[in-house]
């Protein structure tokens, strides 16, 4: 088992994970990634409706973002609501494999979220200035 896959004790402060950063530093990091990975997906855009929906889940204190591959072979970002210890909230999902197997219209509306707009081709303005 690699070091990244070892379960580590969590401090139960998921709400406090992450911080703001300067815009110029953020743009630099993004441009650096794009230059190093020109053929990769550079970003994903989600509307605030789905973000607010996930954050409203009872006990949600954060959102996990995972890369996935949809049925058409496209790289996508999949979001899961997380509890205070960083665990995925949805008890119905036992693994990411189970999540990937779910289809739209399965009658379950509290599962992971996807359906973003990918960059490229749907890229924003504002990274150059």
C-alpha atoms as a PDB file:
ATOM      1  CA  UNK A   1       0.000   0.000   0.000  1.00  0.00           C
ATOM      2  CA  UNK A   2       1.495   3.356  -1.011  1.00  0.00           C
ATOM      3  CA  UNK A   3       1.918   6.152   1.494  1.00  0.00           C
ATOM      4  CA  UNK A   4      -0.882   8.116  -0.238  1.00  0.00           C
ATOM      5  CA  UNK A   5      -3.358   5.275   0.355  1.00  0.00           C
ATOM      6  CA  UNK A   6      -2.655   4.803   4.050  1.00  0.00           C
ATOM      7  CA  UNK A   7      -5.568   5.906   6.201  1.00  0.00           C
ATOM      8  CA  UNK A   8      -4.345   8.722   8.385  1.00  0.00           C
ATOM      9  CA  UNK A   9      -6.091  10.049  11.479  1.00  0.00           C
ATOM     10  CA  UNK A  10      -8.111  13.153  10.726  1.00  0.00           C
ATOM     11  CA  UNK A  11      -8.502  16.151  12.895  1.00  0.00           C
ATOM     12  CA  UNK A  12     -12.222  16.626  12.217  1.00  0.00           C
ATOM     13  CA  UNK A  13     -11.852  20.193  10.936  1.00  0.00           C
ATOM     14  CA  UNK A  14     -12.735  19.772   7.288  1.00  0.00           C
ATOM     15  CA  UNK A  15     -14.436  23.194   7.255  1.00  0.00           C
ATOM     16  CA  UNK A  16     -11.043  24.818   7.711  1.00  0.00           C
ATOM     17  CA  UNK A  17      -9.222  23.002   4.884  1.00  0.00           C
ATOM     18  CA  UNK A  18      -8.188  25.363   2.112  1.00  0.00           C
ATOM     19  CA  UNK A  19      -7.311  29.010   2.044  1.00  0.00           C
ATOM     20  CA  UNK A  20      -7.421  31.970  -0.274  1.00  0.00           C
ATOM     21  CA  UNK A  21      -4.388  32.728  -2.398  1.00  0.00           C
ATOM     22  CA  UNK A  22      -3.245  35.687  -4.428  1.00  0.00           C
ATOM     23  CA  UNK A  23      -4.696  35.994  -7.911  1.00  0.00           C
ATOM     24  CA  UNK A  24      -1.300  36.376  -9.613  1.00  0.00           C
ATOM     25  CA  UNK A  25       0.057  33.256  -7.871  1.00  0.00           C
ATOM     26  CA  UNK A  26      -3.092  31.299  -8.783  1.00  0.00           C
ATOM     27  CA  UNK A  27      -2.847  32.357 -12.426  1.00  0.00           C
ATOM     28  CA  UNK A  28       0.855  31.443 -12.469  1.00  0.00           C
ATOM     29  CA  UNK A  29       0.132  27.941 -11.136  1.00  0.00           C
ATOM     30  CA  UNK A  30      -2.638  27.393 -13.710  1.00  0.00           C
ATOM     31  CA  UNK A  31      -0.539  28.627 -16.635  1.00  0.00           C
ATOM     32  CA  UNK A  32       2.382  26.482 -15.483  1.00  0.00           C
ATOM     33  CA  UNK A  33       0.151  23.369 -15.423  1.00  0.00           C
ATOM     34  CA  UNK A  34      -1.365  24.184 -18.821  1.00  0.00           C
ATOM     35  CA  UNK A  35       2.076  24.652 -20.377  1.00  0.00           C
ATOM     36  CA  UNK A  36       3.319  21.356 -18.911  1.00  0.00           C
ATOM     37  CA  UNK A  37       0.122  19.470 -19.868  1.00  0.00           C
ATOM     38  CA  UNK A  38      -1.216  21.023 -23.093  1.00  0.00           C
ATOM     39  CA  UNK A  39      -3.361  18.007 -24.029  1.00  0.00           C
ATOM     40  CA  UNK A  40      -4.932  17.510 -20.584  1.00  0.00           C
ATOM     41  CA  UNK A  41      -8.179  18.951 -19.286  1.00  0.00           C
ATOM     42  CA  UNK A  42      -7.235  22.229 -17.633  1.00  0.00           C
ATOM     43  CA  UNK A  43     -10.345  22.934 -15.631  1.00  0.00           C
ATOM     44  CA  UNK A  44     -13.980  22.225 -14.928  1.00  0.00           C
ATOM     45  CA  UNK A  45     -16.809  24.688 -14.403  1.00  0.00           C
ATOM     46  CA  UNK A  46     -19.790  23.965 -12.137  1.00  0.00           C
ATOM     47  CA  UNK A  47     -22.693  26.297 -11.465  1.00  0.00           C
ATOM     48  CA  UNK A  48     -23.569  27.427  -7.972  1.00  0.00           C
ATOM     49  CA  UNK A  49     -26.820  25.406  -7.982  1.00  0.00           C
ATOM     50  CA  UNK A  50     -25.003  22.068  -7.704  1.00  0.00           C
ATOM     51  CA  UNK A  51     -22.386  23.429  -5.285  1.00  0.00           C
ATOM     52  CA  UNK A  52     -25.103  24.795  -2.989  1.00  0.00           C
ATOM     53  CA  UNK A  53     -27.022  21.513  -3.262  1.00  0.00           C
ATOM     54  CA  UNK A  54     -24.011  19.490  -2.127  1.00  0.00           C
ATOM     55  CA  UNK A  55     -23.204  21.926   0.681  1.00  0.00           C
ATOM     56  CA  UNK A  56     -26.804  21.642   1.969  1.00  0.00           C
ATOM     57  CA  UNK A  57     -26.478  17.916   2.686  1.00  0.00           C
ATOM     58  CA  UNK A  58     -26.933  17.283   6.380  1.00  0.00           C
ATOM     59  CA  UNK A  59     -23.474  17.129   7.941  1.00  0.00           C
ATOM     60  CA  UNK A  60     -21.637  18.423   4.858  1.00  0.00           C
ATOM     61  CA  UNK A  61     -18.508  20.372   5.729  1.00  0.00           C
ATOM     62  CA  UNK A  62     -16.610  20.065   2.466  1.00  0.00           C
ATOM     63  CA  UNK A  63     -16.601  18.639  -1.039  1.00  0.00           C
ATOM     64  CA  UNK A  64     -14.288  15.979  -2.456  1.00  0.00           C
ATOM     65  CA  UNK A  65     -13.241  16.423  -6.102  1.00  0.00           C
ATOM     66  CA  UNK A  66     -12.138  13.307  -7.986  1.00  0.00           C
ATOM     67  CA  UNK A  67     -11.105  12.821 -11.598  1.00  0.00           C
ATOM     68  CA  UNK A  68     -13.146  10.242 -13.445  1.00  0.00           C
ATOM     69  CA  UNK A  69     -13.728   9.007 -16.991  1.00  0.00           C
ATOM     70  CA  UNK A  70     -17.271   9.010 -18.340  1.00  0.00           C
ATOM     71  CA  UNK A  71     -18.829   6.427 -20.647  1.00  0.00           C
ATOM     72  CA  UNK A  72     -17.556   8.370 -23.688  1.00  0.00           C
ATOM     73  CA  UNK A  73     -13.959   8.186 -22.448  1.00  0.00           C
ATOM     74  CA  UNK A  74     -13.838  11.868 -21.461  1.00  0.00           C
ATOM     75  CA  UNK A  75     -12.050  12.999 -18.313  1.00  0.00           C
ATOM     76  CA  UNK A  76     -14.556  14.505 -15.864  1.00  0.00           C
ATOM     77  CA  UNK A  77     -14.554  15.847 -12.343  1.00  0.00           C
ATOM     78  CA  UNK A  78     -16.909  14.148  -9.882  1.00  0.00           C
ATOM     79  CA  UNK A  79     -17.878  15.780  -6.577  1.00  0.00           C
ATOM     80  CA  UNK A  80     -18.902  14.100  -3.332  1.00  0.00           C
ATOM     81  CA  UNK A  81     -20.110  15.860  -0.157  1.00  0.00           C
ATOM     82  CA  UNK A  82     -17.835  15.200   2.839  1.00  0.00           C
ATOM     83  CA  UNK A  83     -18.472  15.097   6.583  1.00  0.00           C
ATOM     84  CA  UNK A  84     -16.400  16.784   9.305  1.00  0.00           C
ATOM     85  CA  UNK A  85     -13.778  14.044   9.132  1.00  0.00           C
ATOM     86  CA  UNK A  86     -13.513  14.091   5.340  1.00  0.00           C
ATOM     87  CA  UNK A  87     -15.555  10.953   4.714  1.00  0.00           C
ATOM     88  CA  UNK A  88     -18.009  10.806   1.809  1.00  0.00           C
ATOM     89  CA  UNK A  89     -21.474  11.488   3.215  1.00  0.00           C
ATOM     90  CA  UNK A  90     -23.607   9.362   0.940  1.00  0.00           C
ATOM     91  CA  UNK A  91     -23.965   6.031   2.740  1.00  0.00           C
ATOM     92  CA  UNK A  92     -25.405   4.366  -0.394  1.00  0.00           C
ATOM     93  CA  UNK A  93     -22.073   4.597  -2.175  1.00  0.00           C
ATOM     94  CA  UNK A  94     -19.579   2.030  -0.970  1.00  0.00           C
ATOM     95  CA  UNK A  95     -16.798   2.932  -3.394  1.00  0.00           C
ATOM     96  CA  UNK A  96     -15.880   5.219  -6.254  1.00  0.00           C
ATOM     97  CA  UNK A  97     -16.419   2.218  -8.519  1.00  0.00           C
ATOM     98  CA  UNK A  98     -20.067   2.075  -7.446  1.00  0.00           C
ATOM     99  CA  UNK A  99     -20.407   5.793  -8.068  1.00  0.00           C
ATOM    100  CA  UNK A 100     -18.983   5.481 -11.565  1.00  0.00           C
ATOM    101  CA  UNK A 101     -21.476   2.729 -12.386  1.00  0.00           C
ATOM    102  CA  UNK A 102     -24.543   4.869 -11.545  1.00  0.00           C
ATOM    103  CA  UNK A 103     -26.520   6.318 -14.426  1.00  0.00           C
ATOM    104  CA  UNK A 104     -28.689   9.425 -14.697  1.00  0.00           C
ATOM    105  CA  UNK A 105     -32.340   8.751 -14.031  1.00  0.00           C
ATOM    106  CA  UNK A 106     -31.711   6.069 -11.418  1.00  0.00           C
ATOM    107  CA  UNK A 107     -34.197   7.746  -9.083  1.00  0.00           C
ATOM    108  CA  UNK A 108     -31.521   8.731  -6.586  1.00  0.00           C
ATOM    109  CA  UNK A 109     -30.980  12.450  -6.327  1.00  0.00           C
ATOM    110  CA  UNK A 110     -28.481  12.646  -3.482  1.00  0.00           C
ATOM    111  CA  UNK A 111     -25.522  11.061  -5.233  1.00  0.00           C
ATOM    112  CA  UNK A 112     -22.261  12.507  -6.587  1.00  0.00           C
ATOM    113  CA  UNK A 113     -22.355  15.417  -9.007  1.00  0.00           C
ATOM    114  CA  UNK A 114     -20.859  15.829 -12.435  1.00  0.00           C
ATOM    115  CA  UNK A 115     -21.896  17.386 -15.787  1.00  0.00           C
ATOM    116  CA  UNK A 116     -19.364  20.209 -15.742  1.00  0.00           C
ATOM    117  CA  UNK A 117     -18.062  22.175 -18.692  1.00  0.00           C
ATOM    118  CA  UNK A 118     -14.460  21.221 -19.436  1.00  0.00           C
ATOM    119  CA  UNK A 119     -11.603  23.499 -20.457  1.00  0.00           C
ATOM    120  CA  UNK A 120     -10.653  22.970 -23.191  1.00  0.00           C
ATOM    121  CA  UNK A 121     -12.798  23.540 -25.183  1.00  0.00           C
ATOM    122  CA  UNK A 122     -15.013  25.679 -22.895  1.00  0.00           C
ATOM    123  CA  UNK A 123     -12.285  27.915 -21.397  1.00  0.00           C
ATOM    124  CA  UNK A 124     -12.661  31.169 -19.469  1.00  0.00           C
ATOM    125  CA  UNK A 125     -11.228  34.572 -20.169  1.00  0.00           C
ATOM    126  CA  UNK A 126      -9.211  36.187 -17.419  1.00  0.00           C
ATOM    127  CA  UNK A 127      -6.114  34.045 -17.003  1.00  0.00           C
ATOM    128  CA  UNK A 128      -4.020  36.378 -19.152  1.00  0.00           C
ATOM    129  CA  UNK A 129      -4.637  39.637 -17.298  1.00  0.00           C
END
